[in-house]
Amino acid sequence: MWERKELNNILKINSGRDYKQLNSGNIPVYGTGGYMLSVNDKLSDTDAVGIGRKGTIDKPLYLKAPFWTVDTLFYCTSKENSDVKFIYLLFQIINWKRYDESTGVPSLSKNTISNIKTYVPKIKEQDHISKLFFSLDNTLQLHERKCEELALIRKALLQKLFPKNDEVAPEVRYKNFNDAWEQRRFKDISKLSQGLQIAISKRFTHPGDGKLFYITNEFLNPNSTVKYYIDSPTKNVIAEKTDILMTRTGNTGKVVTDVEGVYHNNFFKISYNSSKIDRWFLYYLLNSYPIQREILVRAGNSTIPDLNHNDFYGIKIYIPTIEEQIKIGTFLTKVDSLIALHQYKLKKLKQLKKFLLQNMFI
């Protein structure tokens, strides 16, 4: 049976302090944004939960002892009838903004935190629950690190598998491919076409008969949840999955393929001869550092960068035989598939944690 208690019955709220009089050392200092630096003294030698006094008040931190906190971060230690790891979980489901006491910078007081009422189980059940969630957090961190490592590997591969400035071959080659890459310009291998700008009044948020997905800049935002559709578009602005699209203005140089729909005026569709240029090779070539840098330079440094047809066509590139292109493109797609797999697992684990937090606490 879970009991309804005020937080001051299960924890002690402690104030942070200024650290500027301390010397550097190996004791971490935390603020509301997380780790700041390390000093030679500690405020606590027991684990605690940090919660913002001012500024960021809704991002609890688990503080591994020993540590120091600044004066904008309270640190909460557990009393005998509670588990500090369970308190950390409890803090994650509290709507802290509801208790904001300021009309300006968000703030909390010890009094307000102490008087918050919540339901708490016996210490043994707290321990079981915290072990489950901390095990889940460890798995989440593992996938986050894997995603970060794979992103770094991808970046390094794009640098190694494509020639650097004014070099005629990349640093890393496949076995039996030794010829210098051939110098061309984008005008020699591609043709651009531009999309349409559709009025908001003619966009639909749900698909239907005759409606096609409208590919806009919002589509490139991983946090975007709204997709637009338009009714009966003309064929000349429809992209197929094998087409390559690239933003020409605003966030210039963002490249996408493997997507079907009507493309916005902010995009170029890059047509190419598939018997001479491999789609995935071209996709990764456009994403390589030298080409991205040249695209951004040519787009200009005004408030809204804008790349025109001729500036794109004039970019100098180096390309190998179609056989080598296919090997490079196929390999990099496998890397991206592996990254996508870990990102998918990470997303599902975060959803699982959110579901458990919402359903295991009263």
Protein backbone atom coordinates (compact mmCIF):
# COMPACT_ATOMS: atom_id res chain seq x y z
CA MET A 1 0.00 0.00 0.00
CA TRP A 2 1.45 3.36 -1.05
CA GLU A 3 1.14 6.18 1.50
CA ARG A 4 0.44 9.83 0.73
CA LYS A 5 3.23 11.96 2.20
CA GLU A 6 4.75 15.39 1.96
CA LEU A 7 8.22 15.40 0.45
CA ASN A 8 9.75 16.72 3.68
CA ASN A 9 8.90 13.34 5.24
CA ILE A 10 11.17 11.44 2.87
CA LEU A 11 13.96 13.90 2.00
CA LYS A 12 16.07 16.77 3.26
CA ILE A 13 16.53 19.83 1.01
CA ASN A 14 20.01 21.36 1.08
CA SER A 15 21.23 24.59 -0.51
CA GLY A 16 24.11 24.86 -2.92
CA ARG A 17 26.93 27.34 -2.41
CA ASP A 18 29.39 29.47 -4.32
CA TYR A 19 32.51 27.55 -5.40
CA LYS A 20 34.72 30.43 -6.56
CA GLN A 21 36.90 30.34 -3.43
CA LEU A 22 37.82 26.71 -4.11
CA ASN A 23 40.78 25.38 -6.06
CA SER A 24 40.58 22.97 -8.98
CA GLY A 25 40.37 19.30 -8.09
CA ASN A 26 38.41 16.14 -8.86
CA ILE A 27 35.07 16.91 -7.13
CA PRO A 28 32.39 17.76 -9.75
CA VAL A 29 30.40 20.99 -9.47
CA TYR A 30 26.82 20.96 -10.77
CA GLY A 31 24.44 23.72 -11.80
CA THR A 32 20.91 23.50 -13.20
CA GLY A 33 22.39 22.63 -16.61
CA GLY A 34 24.51 19.76 -15.26
CA TYR A 35 28.26 19.40 -14.76
CA MET A 36 30.26 22.65 -14.79
CA LEU A 37 33.82 21.99 -13.56
CA SER A 38 35.73 20.20 -10.77
CA VAL A 39 37.02 21.56 -7.44
CA ASN A 40 38.94 20.38 -4.37
CA ASP A 41 36.09 20.25 -1.83
CA LYS A 42 32.63 18.70 -1.47
CA LEU A 43 29.23 19.69 -0.14
CA SER A 44 27.97 16.12 0.20
CA ASP A 45 29.49 12.69 0.60
CA THR A 46 26.17 10.91 0.02
CA ASP A 47 24.24 10.60 -3.25
CA ALA A 48 21.47 13.14 -3.79
CA VAL A 49 18.97 14.50 -6.29
CA GLY A 50 19.47 18.01 -7.67
CA ILE A 51 16.55 20.29 -8.51
CA GLY A 52 16.77 23.89 -9.70
CA ARG A 53 16.13 26.74 -7.26
CA LYS A 54 16.16 29.32 -10.06
CA GLY A 55 16.22 29.09 -13.84
CA THR A 56 15.80 25.49 -14.96
CA ILE A 57 13.49 24.03 -12.31
CA ASP A 58 12.12 20.97 -14.13
CA LYS A 59 15.28 18.95 -14.90
CA PRO A 60 16.20 16.80 -11.88
CA LEU A 61 19.77 15.50 -11.74
CA TYR A 62 21.07 12.39 -10.03
CA LEU A 63 24.18 13.51 -8.12
CA LYS A 64 26.77 10.85 -7.38
CA ALA A 65 28.77 11.65 -4.23
CA PRO A 66 31.08 13.40 -3.62
CA PHE A 67 29.89 16.60 -5.33
CA TRP A 68 29.35 20.36 -5.00
CA THR A 69 26.31 22.33 -6.20
CA VAL A 70 26.01 26.04 -6.98
CA ASP A 71 23.46 28.22 -5.18
CA THR A 72 20.86 27.91 -7.96
CA LEU A 73 20.63 24.13 -7.45
CA PHE A 74 19.15 22.45 -4.37
CA TYR A 75 20.42 18.97 -3.55
CA CYS A 76 18.02 16.58 -1.81
CA THR A 77 19.26 13.72 0.36
CA SER A 78 17.08 10.84 1.49
CA LYS A 79 15.84 10.12 4.99
CA GLU A 80 15.91 6.63 6.52
CA ASN A 81 12.50 5.65 5.14
CA SER A 82 13.34 6.47 1.53
CA ASP A 83 15.71 5.55 -1.28
CA VAL A 84 17.52 8.39 -3.06
CA LYS A 85 17.22 6.65 -6.43
CA PHE A 86 13.46 6.37 -5.95
CA ILE A 87 13.35 10.10 -5.11
CA TYR A 88 15.10 10.80 -8.42
CA LEU A 89 12.37 8.85 -10.26
CA LEU A 90 9.67 10.62 -8.26
CA PHE A 91 11.13 13.99 -9.24
CA GLN A 92 10.85 13.03 -12.91
CA ILE A 93 7.05 12.73 -12.76
CA ILE A 94 6.38 15.87 -10.70
CA ASN A 95 5.13 18.81 -12.74
CA TRP A 96 7.63 21.30 -11.35
CA LYS A 97 6.45 24.22 -13.48
CA ARG A 98 3.15 24.02 -11.63
CA TYR A 99 5.01 25.10 -8.49
CA ASP A 100 6.89 28.01 -10.10
CA GLU A 101 6.78 30.97 -7.67
CA SER A 102 8.05 33.69 -10.01
CA THR A 103 6.53 35.91 -12.66
CA GLY A 104 9.96 36.20 -14.31
CA VAL A 105 12.79 33.68 -14.02
CA PRO A 106 11.30 30.32 -12.87
CA SER A 107 12.05 29.61 -9.20
CA LEU A 108 11.30 27.20 -6.37
CA SER A 109 11.69 27.50 -2.60
CA LYS A 110 12.49 24.88 0.03
CA ASN A 111 9.06 25.46 1.55
CA THR A 112 7.26 24.77 -1.71
CA ILE A 113 9.21 21.59 -2.39
CA SER A 114 8.77 20.34 1.21
CA ASN A 115 4.97 20.69 1.06
CA ILE A 116 4.45 18.81 -2.21
CA LYS A 117 2.35 15.71 -1.54
CA THR A 118 2.96 12.42 -3.31
CA TYR A 119 2.46 8.68 -2.87
CA VAL A 120 5.37 6.56 -1.66
CA PRO A 121 5.68 2.76 -1.17
CA LYS A 122 7.71 0.95 1.49
CA ILE A 123 11.49 1.13 1.23
CA LYS A 124 11.80 -2.41 -0.15
CA GLU A 125 9.44 -1.67 -3.06
CA GLN A 126 11.24 1.64 -3.69
CA ASP A 127 14.47 -0.32 -4.08
CA HIS A 128 12.94 -2.76 -6.61
CA ILE A 129 11.45 0.08 -8.67
CA SER A 130 14.66 2.13 -8.71
CA LYS A 131 16.74 -0.88 -9.77
CA LEU A 132 14.41 -1.48 -12.72
CA PHE A 133 14.62 2.12 -13.93
CA PHE A 134 18.35 2.51 -13.39
CA SER A 135 18.92 -0.68 -15.37
CA LEU A 136 16.76 0.80 -18.13
CA ASP A 137 18.74 4.07 -17.96
CA ASN A 138 22.01 2.14 -18.37
CA THR A 139 20.63 0.53 -21.53
CA LEU A 140 19.49 3.94 -22.80
CA GLN A 141 22.96 5.39 -22.22
CA LEU A 142 24.53 2.44 -24.04
CA HIS A 143 22.44 3.11 -27.16
CA GLU A 144 23.05 6.86 -26.91
CA ARG A 145 26.81 6.26 -26.85
CA LYS A 146 26.50 3.82 -29.75
CA CYS A 147 24.60 6.41 -31.80
CA GLU A 148 27.24 9.05 -31.02
CA GLU A 149 30.11 6.69 -31.91
CA LEU A 150 28.48 5.63 -35.17
CA ALA A 151 27.85 9.28 -36.10
CA LEU A 152 31.58 9.99 -35.60
CA ILE A 153 32.50 6.93 -37.69
CA ARG A 154 30.14 8.10 -40.46
CA LYS A 155 31.73 11.55 -40.43
CA ALA A 156 35.22 10.04 -40.64
CA LEU A 157 34.19 7.75 -43.52
CA LEU A 158 32.80 10.67 -45.51
CA GLN A 159 36.21 12.33 -45.13
CA LYS A 160 38.21 9.20 -46.03
CA LEU A 161 36.11 7.84 -48.91
CA PHE A 162 35.91 11.10 -50.91
CA PRO A 163 38.83 13.20 -52.19
CA LYS A 164 39.96 16.21 -50.21
CA ASN A 165 40.30 19.60 -51.86
CA ASP A 166 42.20 19.39 -55.17
CA GLU A 167 43.12 15.73 -54.68
CA VAL A 168 42.22 13.27 -57.44
CA ALA A 169 41.54 10.23 -55.25
CA PRO A 170 40.35 9.57 -51.69
CA GLU A 171 42.59 8.49 -48.83
CA VAL A 172 40.90 5.07 -48.54
CA ARG A 173 40.21 2.91 -51.61
CA TYR A 174 38.65 -0.47 -52.23
CA LYS A 175 40.98 -3.23 -53.35
CA ASN A 176 41.68 -3.31 -57.11
CA PHE A 177 40.53 0.30 -57.61
CA ASN A 178 43.62 2.38 -58.32
CA ASP A 179 42.72 4.84 -61.08
CA ALA A 180 42.54 8.55 -60.34
CA TRP A 181 39.01 9.89 -60.10
CA GLU A 182 37.77 11.92 -63.05
CA GLN A 183 37.28 15.67 -62.61
CA ARG A 184 33.84 16.97 -63.53
CA ARG A 185 31.38 19.67 -62.52
CA PHE A 186 27.82 19.12 -61.38
CA LYS A 187 26.59 20.56 -64.70
CA ASP A 188 28.21 17.54 -66.45
CA ILE A 189 26.36 14.89 -64.42
CA SER A 190 23.09 16.44 -63.24
CA LYS A 191 20.14 18.67 -64.03
CA LEU A 192 18.21 20.76 -61.52
CA SER A 193 14.49 21.43 -61.27
CA GLN A 194 12.72 23.54 -58.68
CA GLY A 195 9.54 22.80 -56.72
CA LEU A 196 6.41 24.81 -56.01
CA GLN A 197 5.36 26.96 -53.10
CA ILE A 198 1.84 25.98 -52.11
CA ALA A 199 -0.34 28.33 -50.06
CA ILE A 200 -1.18 27.11 -46.54
CA SER A 201 -4.87 27.20 -47.45
CA LYS A 202 -4.24 24.47 -50.04
CA ARG A 203 -2.32 22.15 -47.70
CA PHE A 204 -3.91 19.21 -45.91
CA THR A 205 -2.70 17.53 -42.72
CA HIS A 206 -4.06 14.11 -43.71
CA PRO A 207 -3.53 12.02 -46.84
CA GLY A 208 -6.39 10.99 -49.10
CA ASP A 209 -7.35 10.17 -52.69
CA GLY A 210 -5.35 12.30 -55.11
CA LYS A 211 -3.31 13.86 -52.28
CA LEU A 212 0.48 13.55 -52.14
CA PHE A 213 2.96 14.20 -49.34
CA TYR A 214 4.30 17.77 -49.54
CA ILE A 215 8.05 17.77 -48.82
CA THR A 216 8.89 21.02 -47.01
CA ASN A 217 11.76 22.20 -44.82
CA GLU A 218 9.78 21.03 -41.77
CA PHE A 219 10.20 17.46 -43.05
CA LEU A 220 13.95 17.75 -42.37
CA ASN A 221 13.33 18.55 -38.69
CA PRO A 222 13.50 15.26 -36.73
CA ASN A 223 11.17 16.73 -34.07
CA SER A 224 8.47 17.74 -36.54
CA THR A 225 5.17 15.90 -36.10
CA VAL A 226 2.98 17.54 -38.78
CA LYS A 227 3.04 16.31 -42.38
CA TYR A 228 1.37 18.26 -45.18
CA TYR A 229 -0.32 16.92 -48.31
CA ILE A 230 -1.61 18.67 -51.42
CA ASP A 231 -4.30 17.70 -53.89
CA SER A 232 -3.62 16.62 -57.52
CA PRO A 233 -0.14 18.18 -58.07
CA THR A 234 1.39 18.49 -61.53
CA LYS A 235 3.86 15.75 -62.50
CA ASN A 236 6.85 18.06 -62.91
CA VAL A 237 7.07 18.74 -59.14
CA ILE A 238 6.70 15.13 -57.97
CA ALA A 239 9.77 13.34 -56.55
CA GLU A 240 10.13 9.57 -56.60
CA LYS A 241 12.10 7.50 -54.07
CA THR A 242 15.15 7.35 -56.34
CA ASP A 243 15.30 11.13 -56.75
CA ILE A 244 17.67 13.30 -54.74
CA LEU A 245 16.40 16.53 -53.21
CA MET A 246 18.54 19.31 -51.74
CA THR A 247 17.52 22.51 -49.97
CA ARG A 248 18.62 25.55 -51.94
CA THR A 249 17.70 28.32 -49.48
CA GLY A 250 17.61 28.80 -45.71
CA ASN A 251 19.28 25.65 -44.37
CA THR A 252 21.02 25.24 -47.73
CA GLY A 253 22.66 21.93 -48.63
CA LYS A 254 20.47 19.51 -46.67
CA VAL A 255 20.14 16.39 -48.84
CA VAL A 256 17.38 13.79 -48.82
CA THR A 257 16.52 10.76 -50.92
CA ASP A 258 14.29 7.70 -50.60
CA VAL A 259 11.20 9.90 -50.15
CA GLU A 260 8.15 10.32 -52.38
CA GLY A 261 5.98 13.41 -52.77
CA VAL A 262 5.68 16.95 -54.05
CA TYR A 263 8.72 19.08 -53.30
CA HIS A 264 8.63 22.66 -52.08
CA ASN A 265 10.16 25.66 -53.83
CA ASN A 266 13.02 25.61 -51.30
CA PHE A 267 14.26 22.33 -52.82
CA PHE A 268 16.18 21.41 -55.95
CA LYS A 269 15.49 18.01 -57.46
CA ILE A 270 18.82 16.72 -58.77
CA SER A 271 18.28 14.51 -61.84
CA TYR A 272 21.13 12.24 -62.98
CA ASN A 273 21.92 9.39 -65.38
CA SER A 274 21.74 6.24 -63.25
CA SER A 275 23.90 4.27 -65.70
CA LYS A 276 26.79 6.68 -65.04
CA ILE A 277 26.13 7.95 -61.52
CA ASP A 278 25.06 5.75 -58.64
CA ARG A 279 22.27 7.33 -56.58
CA TRP A 280 23.76 6.57 -53.19
CA PHE A 281 27.25 7.63 -54.25
CA LEU A 282 25.82 10.98 -55.39
CA TYR A 283 23.85 11.31 -52.16
CA TYR A 284 26.97 10.84 -50.01
CA LEU A 285 29.11 12.96 -52.33
CA LEU A 286 26.68 15.83 -51.75
CA ASN A 287 27.03 15.22 -48.00
CA SER A 288 30.84 15.11 -48.02
CA TYR A 289 32.67 17.95 -46.29
CA PRO A 290 34.33 19.60 -49.36
CA ILE A 291 31.06 19.70 -51.31
CA GLN A 292 29.01 20.91 -48.34
CA ARG A 293 31.53 23.67 -47.70
CA GLU A 294 31.47 24.74 -51.36
CA ILE A 295 27.65 24.74 -51.40
CA LEU A 296 27.50 27.00 -48.34
CA VAL A 297 30.15 29.37 -49.73
CA ARG A 298 28.29 29.70 -53.03
CA ALA A 299 24.94 30.18 -51.23
CA GLY A 300 26.34 33.37 -49.67
CA ASN A 301 26.42 34.63 -46.11
CA SER A 302 23.35 36.86 -46.18
CA THR A 303 20.53 36.49 -43.64
CA ILE A 304 18.92 33.81 -45.84
CA PRO A 305 21.55 31.88 -47.87
CA ASP A 306 20.33 31.05 -51.39
CA LEU A 307 22.00 28.74 -53.93
CA ASN A 308 21.18 29.36 -57.59
CA HIS A 309 21.36 26.89 -60.48
CA ASN A 310 24.59 28.16 -62.02
CA ASP A 311 26.47 28.28 -58.73
CA PHE A 312 25.58 24.64 -58.09
CA TYR A 313 26.41 23.57 -61.64
CA GLY A 314 29.85 25.18 -61.32
CA ILE A 315 31.01 23.12 -58.33
CA LYS A 316 34.03 20.98 -59.21
CA ILE A 317 33.79 17.30 -58.23
CA TYR A 318 35.75 14.08 -58.69
CA ILE A 319 34.05 10.78 -59.51
CA PRO A 320 35.32 7.20 -59.97
CA THR A 321 34.01 4.41 -62.18
CA ILE A 322 30.41 3.34 -61.67
CA GLU A 323 31.63 0.08 -60.07
CA GLU A 324 33.58 1.93 -57.38
CA GLN A 325 30.69 4.36 -56.89
CA ILE A 326 28.33 1.44 -56.16
CA LYS A 327 30.71 -0.08 -53.60
CA ILE A 328 31.09 3.24 -51.75
CA GLY A 329 27.37 4.02 -51.83
CA THR A 330 26.34 0.53 -50.70
CA PHE A 331 28.80 0.53 -47.80
CA LEU A 332 27.68 3.93 -46.50
CA THR A 333 24.00 2.98 -46.71
CA LYS A 334 24.78 0.02 -44.42
CA VAL A 335 26.38 2.40 -41.93
CA ASP A 336 23.31 4.64 -42.04
CA SER A 337 21.02 1.63 -41.59
CA LEU A 338 22.97 0.64 -38.48
CA ILE A 339 22.67 4.18 -37.10
CA ALA A 340 18.93 4.19 -37.84
CA LEU A 341 18.54 0.85 -36.03
CA HIS A 342 20.15 2.17 -32.84
CA GLN A 343 18.16 5.40 -33.08
CA TYR A 344 14.96 3.34 -33.39
CA LYS A 345 15.90 1.22 -30.35
CA LEU A 346 16.73 4.36 -28.40
CA LYS A 347 13.38 5.91 -29.31
CA LYS A 348 11.50 2.78 -28.21
CA LEU A 349 13.41 2.58 -24.92
CA LYS A 350 12.57 6.22 -24.18
CA GLN A 351 8.91 5.51 -24.92
CA LEU A 352 9.04 2.47 -22.61
CA LYS A 353 10.57 4.53 -19.79
CA LYS A 354 7.94 7.25 -20.23
CA PHE A 355 5.17 4.66 -20.18
CA LEU A 356 6.54 3.02 -17.01
CA LEU A 357 6.97 6.35 -15.24
CA GLN A 358 3.36 7.26 -16.06
CA ASN A 359 1.93 3.91 -15.00
CA MET A 360 4.04 2.68 -12.08
CA PHE A 361 3.57 5.78 -9.94
CA ILE A 362 0.35 6.90 -8.31
